[in-house]
Amino acid sequence: MLIIIILLLTTWSIFIHLPLYIDGAELLLDLGLPAGIIGGVVLPLLGAVPDATMIIYSGINSNRTIANEEISVGMG
C-alpha cells in the first residue's frame, strides 16, 4: 500500500512540476546563451539532479551490501 501511495505522489509531483521545468527551459533561452549550450549542457545537468538524488537516497542504508546493490541498479 505504501508503494502505491509513493507512486501516486511521485506521479502527481512530476505532472505538476513538468510545465514549470519546460517554462524554465524557455526562460533560459532569454539569457542570451546559445541554444546549444543550454540544450547540450544546462538542461542535461538539471535533468541529472533528480537521478543523483534517487541514487544518494537509495544508498543511505545501514547495510553496506544492500546499499551497494541498490546503487549499482540505479547507476545502470
PDB file of N, CA and C in Angstrom:
ATOM      1  N   MET A   1       0.821  -1.195   0.000  1.00  0.00           N
ATOM      2  CA  MET A   1       0.000   0.000   0.000  1.00  0.00           C
ATOM      3  C   MET A   1       0.868   1.263   0.000  1.00  0.00           C
ATOM      4  N   LEU A   2       1.955   1.227   0.758  1.00  0.00           N
ATOM      5  CA  LEU A   2       2.845   2.376   0.823  1.00  0.00           C
ATOM      6  C   LEU A   2       3.471   2.655  -0.539  1.00  0.00           C
ATOM      7  N   ILE A   3       3.789   1.594  -1.261  1.00  0.00           N
ATOM      8  CA  ILE A   3       4.398   1.769  -2.592  1.00  0.00           C
ATOM      9  C   ILE A   3       3.419   2.476  -3.534  1.00  0.00           C
ATOM     10  N   ILE A   4       2.156   2.133  -3.444  1.00  0.00           N
ATOM     11  CA  ILE A   4       1.159   2.762  -4.302  1.00  0.00           C
ATOM     12  C   ILE A   4       1.032   4.250  -3.964  1.00  0.00           C
ATOM     13  N   ILE A   5       1.051   4.581  -2.692  1.00  0.00           N
ATOM     14  CA  ILE A   5       0.969   5.980  -2.272  1.00  0.00           C
ATOM     15  C   ILE A   5       2.183   6.756  -2.779  1.00  0.00           C
ATOM     16  N   ILE A   6       3.370   6.179  -2.624  1.00  0.00           N
ATOM     17  CA  ILE A   6       4.586   6.843  -3.100  1.00  0.00           C
ATOM     18  C   ILE A   6       4.538   7.010  -4.615  1.00  0.00           C
ATOM     19  N   LEU A   7       4.085   5.988  -5.323  1.00  0.00           N
ATOM     20  CA  LEU A   7       3.968   6.071  -6.777  1.00  0.00           C
ATOM     21  C   LEU A   7       3.004   7.180  -7.192  1.00  0.00           C
ATOM     22  N   LEU A   8       1.869   7.270  -6.518  1.00  0.00           N
ATOM     23  CA  LEU A   8       0.892   8.305  -6.844  1.00  0.00           C
ATOM     24  C   LEU A   8       1.432   9.701  -6.538  1.00  0.00           C
ATOM     25  N   LEU A   9       2.106   9.856  -5.409  1.00  0.00           N
ATOM     26  CA  LEU A   9       2.685  11.157  -5.066  1.00  0.00           C
ATOM     27  C   LEU A   9       3.776  11.568  -6.049  1.00  0.00           C
ATOM     28  N   THR A  10       4.593  10.623  -6.449  1.00  0.00           N
ATOM     29  CA  THR A  10       5.649  10.919  -7.411  1.00  0.00           C
ATOM     30  C   THR A  10       5.062  11.303  -8.764  1.00  0.00           C
ATOM     31  N   THR A  11       4.071  10.554  -9.208  1.00  0.00           N
ATOM     32  CA  THR A  11       3.419  10.850 -10.483  1.00  0.00           C
ATOM     33  C   THR A  11       2.759  12.223 -10.442  1.00  0.00           C
ATOM     34  N   TRP A  12       2.070  12.521  -9.353  1.00  0.00           N
ATOM     35  CA  TRP A  12       1.431  13.832  -9.207  1.00  0.00           C
ATOM     36  C   TRP A  12       2.472  14.942  -9.235  1.00  0.00           C
ATOM     37  N   SER A  13       3.573  14.744  -8.534  1.00  0.00           N
ATOM     38  CA  SER A  13       4.618  15.762  -8.481  1.00  0.00           C
ATOM     39  C   SER A  13       5.209  16.014  -9.871  1.00  0.00           C
ATOM     40  N   ILE A  14       5.466  14.967 -10.611  1.00  0.00           N
ATOM     41  CA  ILE A  14       6.004  15.125 -11.961  1.00  0.00           C
ATOM     42  C   ILE A  14       4.983  15.826 -12.856  1.00  0.00           C
ATOM     43  N   PHE A  15       3.730  15.446 -12.737  1.00  0.00           N
ATOM     44  CA  PHE A  15       2.675  16.045 -13.547  1.00  0.00           C
ATOM     45  C   PHE A  15       2.545  17.540 -13.270  1.00  0.00           C
ATOM     46  N   ILE A  16       2.660  17.942 -12.012  1.00  0.00           N
ATOM     47  CA  ILE A  16       2.529  19.345 -11.636  1.00  0.00           C
ATOM     48  C   ILE A  16       3.776  20.145 -12.016  1.00  0.00           C
ATOM     49  N   HIS A  17       4.958  19.571 -11.841  1.00  0.00           N
ATOM     50  CA  HIS A  17       6.191  20.336 -11.998  1.00  0.00           C
ATOM     51  C   HIS A  17       6.792  20.300 -13.400  1.00  0.00           C
ATOM     52  N   LEU A  18       6.369  19.410 -14.242  1.00  0.00           N
ATOM     53  CA  LEU A  18       6.922  19.356 -15.591  1.00  0.00           C
ATOM     54  C   LEU A  18       6.676  20.642 -16.387  1.00  0.00           C
ATOM     55  N   PRO A  19       5.485  21.236 -16.327  1.00  0.00           N
ATOM     56  CA  PRO A  19       5.314  22.522 -17.038  1.00  0.00           C
ATOM     57  C   PRO A  19       6.260  23.609 -16.508  1.00  0.00           C
ATOM     58  N   LEU A  20       6.543  23.593 -15.226  1.00  0.00           N
ATOM     59  CA  LEU A  20       7.486  24.568 -14.676  1.00  0.00           C
ATOM     60  C   LEU A  20       8.877  24.344 -15.241  1.00  0.00           C
ATOM     61  N   TYR A  21       9.268  23.099 -15.391  1.00  0.00           N
ATOM     62  CA  TYR A  21      10.562  22.753 -15.965  1.00  0.00           C
ATOM     63  C   TYR A  21      10.647  23.250 -17.414  1.00  0.00           C
ATOM     64  N   ILE A  22       9.582  23.034 -18.166  1.00  0.00           N
ATOM     65  CA  ILE A  22       9.558  23.457 -19.569  1.00  0.00           C
ATOM     66  C   ILE A  22       9.604  24.980 -19.669  1.00  0.00           C
ATOM     67  N   ASP A  23       8.813  25.651 -18.828  1.00  0.00           N
ATOM     68  CA  ASP A  23       8.830  27.119 -18.843  1.00  0.00           C
ATOM     69  C   ASP A  23      10.202  27.661 -18.455  1.00  0.00           C
ATOM     70  N   GLY A  24      10.830  27.024 -17.496  1.00  0.00           N
ATOM     71  CA  GLY A  24      12.172  27.447 -17.092  1.00  0.00           C
ATOM     72  C   GLY A  24      13.186  27.257 -18.204  1.00  0.00           C
ATOM     73  N   ALA A  25      13.038  26.176 -18.963  1.00  0.00           N
ATOM     74  CA  ALA A  25      13.946  25.945 -20.089  1.00  0.00           C
ATOM     75  C   ALA A  25      13.780  27.029 -21.141  1.00  0.00           C
ATOM     76  N   GLU A  26      12.550  27.448 -21.360  1.00  0.00           N
ATOM     77  CA  GLU A  26      12.329  28.532 -22.320  1.00  0.00           C
ATOM     78  C   GLU A  26      12.896  29.849 -21.797  1.00  0.00           C
ATOM     79  N   LEU A  27      12.795  30.087 -20.494  1.00  0.00           N
ATOM     80  CA  LEU A  27      13.354  31.310 -19.918  1.00  0.00           C
ATOM     81  C   LEU A  27      14.875  31.327 -20.002  1.00  0.00           C
ATOM     82  N   LEU A  28      15.495  30.150 -19.961  1.00  0.00           N
ATOM     83  CA  LEU A  28      16.950  30.093 -20.087  1.00  0.00           C
ATOM     84  C   LEU A  28      17.409  30.631 -21.451  1.00  0.00           C
ATOM     85  N   LEU A  29      16.572  30.445 -22.468  1.00  0.00           N
ATOM     86  CA  LEU A  29      16.926  30.953 -23.785  1.00  0.00           C
ATOM     87  C   LEU A  29      16.963  32.474 -23.806  1.00  0.00           C
ATOM     88  N   ASP A  30      16.240  33.115 -22.891  1.00  0.00           N
ATOM     89  CA  ASP A  30      16.226  34.578 -22.821  1.00  0.00           C
ATOM     90  C   ASP A  30      17.495  35.147 -22.201  1.00  0.00           C
ATOM     91  N   LEU A  31      18.346  34.299 -21.643  1.00  0.00           N
ATOM     92  CA  LEU A  31      19.581  34.781 -21.024  1.00  0.00           C
ATOM     93  C   LEU A  31      20.618  35.227 -22.053  1.00  0.00           C
ATOM     94  N   GLY A  32      20.428  34.828 -23.266  1.00  0.00           N
ATOM     95  CA  GLY A  32      21.364  35.213 -24.312  1.00  0.00           C
ATOM     96  C   GLY A  32      22.432  34.172 -24.585  1.00  0.00           C
ATOM     97  N   LEU A  33      22.396  33.074 -23.874  1.00  0.00           N
ATOM     98  CA  LEU A  33      23.340  31.986 -24.152  1.00  0.00           C
ATOM     99  C   LEU A  33      22.914  31.258 -25.421  1.00  0.00           C
ATOM    100  N   PRO A  34      23.859  30.691 -26.140  1.00  0.00           N
ATOM    101  CA  PRO A  34      23.492  29.926 -27.338  1.00  0.00           C
ATOM    102  C   PRO A  34      22.619  28.724 -26.976  1.00  0.00           C
ATOM    103  N   ALA A  35      21.701  28.400 -27.864  1.00  0.00           N
ATOM    104  CA  ALA A  35      20.787  27.283 -27.609  1.00  0.00           C
ATOM    105  C   ALA A  35      21.548  25.966 -27.449  1.00  0.00           C
ATOM    106  N   GLY A  36      22.686  25.829 -28.122  1.00  0.00           N
ATOM    107  CA  GLY A  36      23.483  24.609 -27.993  1.00  0.00           C
ATOM    108  C   GLY A  36      24.044  24.424 -26.593  1.00  0.00           C
ATOM    109  N   ILE A  37      24.405  25.526 -25.948  1.00  0.00           N
ATOM    110  CA  ILE A  37      24.917  25.441 -24.571  1.00  0.00           C
ATOM    111  C   ILE A  37      23.790  25.068 -23.619  1.00  0.00           C
ATOM    112  N   ILE A  38      22.639  25.697 -23.792  1.00  0.00           N
ATOM    113  CA  ILE A  38      21.516  25.423 -22.907  1.00  0.00           C
ATOM    114  C   ILE A  38      21.021  23.995 -23.108  1.00  0.00           C
ATOM    115  N   GLY A  39      20.812  23.595 -24.355  1.00  0.00           N
ATOM    116  CA  GLY A  39      20.300  22.256 -24.624  1.00  0.00           C
ATOM    117  C   GLY A  39      21.319  21.159 -24.428  1.00  0.00           C
ATOM    118  N   GLY A  40      22.589  21.476 -24.605  1.00  0.00           N
ATOM    119  CA  GLY A  40      23.621  20.451 -24.513  1.00  0.00           C
ATOM    120  C   GLY A  40      24.291  20.344 -23.163  1.00  0.00           C
ATOM    121  N   VAL A  41      24.232  21.417 -22.360  1.00  0.00           N
ATOM    122  CA  VAL A  41      24.936  21.394 -21.078  1.00  0.00           C
ATOM    123  C   VAL A  41      23.991  21.632 -19.903  1.00  0.00           C
ATOM    124  N   VAL A  42      23.264  22.735 -19.943  1.00  0.00           N
ATOM    125  CA  VAL A  42      22.474  23.144 -18.782  1.00  0.00           C
ATOM    126  C   VAL A  42      21.311  22.192 -18.518  1.00  0.00           C
ATOM    127  N   LEU A  43      20.505  21.907 -19.520  1.00  0.00           N
ATOM    128  CA  LEU A  43      19.338  21.043 -19.312  1.00  0.00           C
ATOM    129  C   LEU A  43      19.705  19.615 -18.914  1.00  0.00           C
ATOM    130  N   PRO A  44      20.738  18.995 -19.510  1.00  0.00           N
ATOM    131  CA  PRO A  44      21.124  17.667 -19.016  1.00  0.00           C
ATOM    132  C   PRO A  44      21.596  17.686 -17.555  1.00  0.00           C
ATOM    133  N   LEU A  45      22.288  18.750 -17.172  1.00  0.00           N
ATOM    134  CA  LEU A  45      22.699  18.846 -15.767  1.00  0.00           C
ATOM    135  C   LEU A  45      21.490  18.965 -14.847  1.00  0.00           C
ATOM    136  N   LEU A  46      20.517  19.772 -15.248  1.00  0.00           N
ATOM    137  CA  LEU A  46      19.307  19.898 -14.440  1.00  0.00           C
ATOM    138  C   LEU A  46      18.528  18.577 -14.403  1.00  0.00           C
ATOM    139  N   GLY A  47      18.556  17.833 -15.492  1.00  0.00           N
ATOM    140  CA  GLY A  47      17.880  16.543 -15.522  1.00  0.00           C
ATOM    141  C   GLY A  47      18.584  15.478 -14.707  1.00  0.00           C
ATOM    142  N   ALA A  48      19.885  15.640 -14.492  1.00  0.00           N
ATOM    143  CA  ALA A  48      20.645  14.648 -13.740  1.00  0.00           C
ATOM    144  C   ALA A  48      20.463  14.800 -12.234  1.00  0.00           C
ATOM    145  N   VAL A  49      20.007  15.953 -11.792  1.00  0.00           N
ATOM    146  CA  VAL A  49      19.855  16.184 -10.347  1.00  0.00           C
ATOM    147  C   VAL A  49      18.858  15.208  -9.712  1.00  0.00           C
ATOM    148  N   PRO A  50      17.659  14.996 -10.280  1.00  0.00           N
ATOM    149  CA  PRO A  50      16.755  14.012  -9.656  1.00  0.00           C
ATOM    150  C   PRO A  50      17.327  12.596  -9.651  1.00  0.00           C
ATOM    151  N   ASP A  51      18.019  12.213 -10.721  1.00  0.00           N
ATOM    152  CA  ASP A  51      18.629  10.884 -10.767  1.00  0.00           C
ATOM    153  C   ASP A  51      19.678  10.733  -9.674  1.00  0.00           C
ATOM    154  N   ALA A  52      20.515  11.741  -9.516  1.00  0.00           N
ATOM    155  CA  ALA A  52      21.546  11.690  -8.481  1.00  0.00           C
ATOM    156  C   ALA A  52      20.920  11.638  -7.098  1.00  0.00           C
ATOM    157  N   THR A  53      19.836  12.359  -6.905  1.00  0.00           N
ATOM    158  CA  THR A  53      19.155  12.346  -5.607  1.00  0.00           C
ATOM    159  C   THR A  53      18.609  10.958  -5.295  1.00  0.00           C
ATOM    160  N   MET A  54      18.009  10.305  -6.292  1.00  0.00           N
ATOM    161  CA  MET A  54      17.490   8.957  -6.057  1.00  0.00           C
ATOM    162  C   MET A  54      18.610   7.978  -5.727  1.00  0.00           C
ATOM    163  N   ILE A  55      19.740   8.105  -6.400  1.00  0.00           N
ATOM    164  CA  ILE A  55      20.861   7.214  -6.128  1.00  0.00           C
ATOM    165  C   ILE A  55      21.405   7.454  -4.733  1.00  0.00           C
ATOM    166  N   ILE A  56      21.509   8.706  -4.326  1.00  0.00           N
ATOM    167  CA  ILE A  56      22.008   9.018  -2.979  1.00  0.00           C
ATOM    168  C   ILE A  56      21.065   8.454  -1.919  1.00  0.00           C
ATOM    169  N   TYR A  57      19.756   8.675  -2.090  1.00  0.00           N
ATOM    170  CA  TYR A  57      18.806   8.180  -1.097  1.00  0.00           C
ATOM    171  C   TYR A  57      18.759   6.655  -1.065  1.00  0.00           C
ATOM    172  N   SER A  58      18.928   6.011  -2.203  1.00  0.00           N
ATOM    173  CA  SER A  58      18.925   4.550  -2.188  1.00  0.00           C
ATOM    174  C   SER A  58      20.188   4.014  -1.527  1.00  0.00           C
ATOM    175  N   GLY A  59      21.243   4.808  -1.514  1.00  0.00           N
ATOM    176  CA  GLY A  59      22.488   4.370  -0.888  1.00  0.00           C
ATOM    177  C   GLY A  59      22.544   4.602   0.596  1.00  0.00           C
ATOM    178  N   ILE A  60      21.615   5.380   1.137  1.00  0.00           N
ATOM    179  CA  ILE A  60      21.602   5.623   2.588  1.00  0.00           C
ATOM    180  C   ILE A  60      20.929   4.428   3.241  1.00  0.00           C
ATOM    181  N   ASN A  61      21.760   3.529   3.680  1.00  0.00           N
ATOM    182  CA  ASN A  61      21.255   2.295   4.273  1.00  0.00           C
ATOM    183  C   ASN A  61      22.287   1.819   5.281  1.00  0.00           C
ATOM    184  N   SER A  62      21.823   1.201   6.356  1.00  0.00           N
ATOM    185  CA  SER A  62      22.769   0.740   7.362  1.00  0.00           C
ATOM    186  C   SER A  62      23.542  -0.498   6.888  1.00  0.00           C
ATOM    187  N   ASN A  63      22.975  -1.264   5.982  1.00  0.00           N
ATOM    188  CA  ASN A  63      23.623  -2.466   5.484  1.00  0.00           C
ATOM    189  C   ASN A  63      24.387  -2.114   4.202  1.00  0.00           C
ATOM    190  N   ARG A  64      25.681  -2.234   4.229  1.00  0.00           N
ATOM    191  CA  ARG A  64      26.520  -1.825   3.104  1.00  0.00           C
ATOM    192  C   ARG A  64      26.287  -2.681   1.863  1.00  0.00           C
ATOM    193  N   THR A  65      26.033  -3.971   2.019  1.00  0.00           N
ATOM    194  CA  THR A  65      25.816  -4.847   0.871  1.00  0.00           C
ATOM    195  C   THR A  65      24.551  -4.450   0.113  1.00  0.00           C
ATOM    196  N   ILE A  66      23.476  -4.208   0.844  1.00  0.00           N
ATOM    197  CA  ILE A  66      22.219  -3.818   0.204  1.00  0.00           C
ATOM    198  C   ILE A  66      22.373  -2.461  -0.468  1.00  0.00           C
ATOM    199  N   ALA A  67      23.063  -1.539   0.191  1.00  0.00           N
ATOM    200  CA  ALA A  67      23.273  -0.211  -0.392  1.00  0.00           C
ATOM    201  C   ALA A  67      24.060  -0.315  -1.698  1.00  0.00           C
ATOM    202  N   ASN A  68      25.087  -1.154  -1.733  1.00  0.00           N
ATOM    203  CA  ASN A  68      25.869  -1.321  -2.968  1.00  0.00           C
ATOM    204  C   ASN A  68      25.020  -1.895  -4.096  1.00  0.00           C
ATOM    205  N   GLU A  69      24.153  -2.857  -3.777  1.00  0.00           N
ATOM    206  CA  GLU A  69      23.283  -3.441  -4.797  1.00  0.00           C
ATOM    207  C   GLU A  69      22.294  -2.411  -5.323  1.00  0.00           C
ATOM    208  N   GLU A  70      21.709  -1.613  -4.426  1.00  0.00           N
ATOM    209  CA  GLU A  70      20.725  -0.611  -4.852  1.00  0.00           C
ATOM    210  C   GLU A  70      21.378   0.463  -5.708  1.00  0.00           C
ATOM    211  N   ILE A  71      22.568   0.885  -5.340  1.00  0.00           N
ATOM    212  CA  ILE A  71      23.252   1.911  -6.119  1.00  0.00           C
ATOM    213  C   ILE A  71      23.669   1.373  -7.475  1.00  0.00           C
ATOM    214  N   SER A  72      24.146   0.137  -7.547  1.00  0.00           N
ATOM    215  CA  SER A  72      24.564  -0.410  -8.836  1.00  0.00           C
ATOM    216  C   SER A  72      23.366  -0.564  -9.765  1.00  0.00           C
ATOM    217  N   VAL A  73      22.197  -0.861  -9.226  1.00  0.00           N
ATOM    218  CA  VAL A  73      20.999  -0.926 -10.058  1.00  0.00           C
ATOM    219  C   VAL A  73      20.627   0.458 -10.541  1.00  0.00           C
ATOM    220  N   GLY A  74      20.732   1.467  -9.673  1.00  0.00           N
ATOM    221  CA  GLY A  74      20.380   2.829 -10.046  1.00  0.00           C
ATOM    222  C   GLY A  74      21.336   3.430 -11.049  1.00  0.00           C
ATOM    223  N   MET A  75      22.582   2.968 -11.082  1.00  0.00           N
ATOM    224  CA  MET A  75      23.574   3.540 -11.992  1.00  0.00           C
ATOM    225  C   MET A  75      23.446   2.984 -13.403  1.00  0.00           C
ATOM    226  N   GLY A  76      22.749   1.860 -13.584  1.00  0.00           N
ATOM    227  CA  GLY A  76      22.676   1.215 -14.882  1.00  0.00           C
ATOM    228  C   GLY A  76      21.733   1.896 -15.774  1.00  0.00           C
TER     229      GLY A  76
END
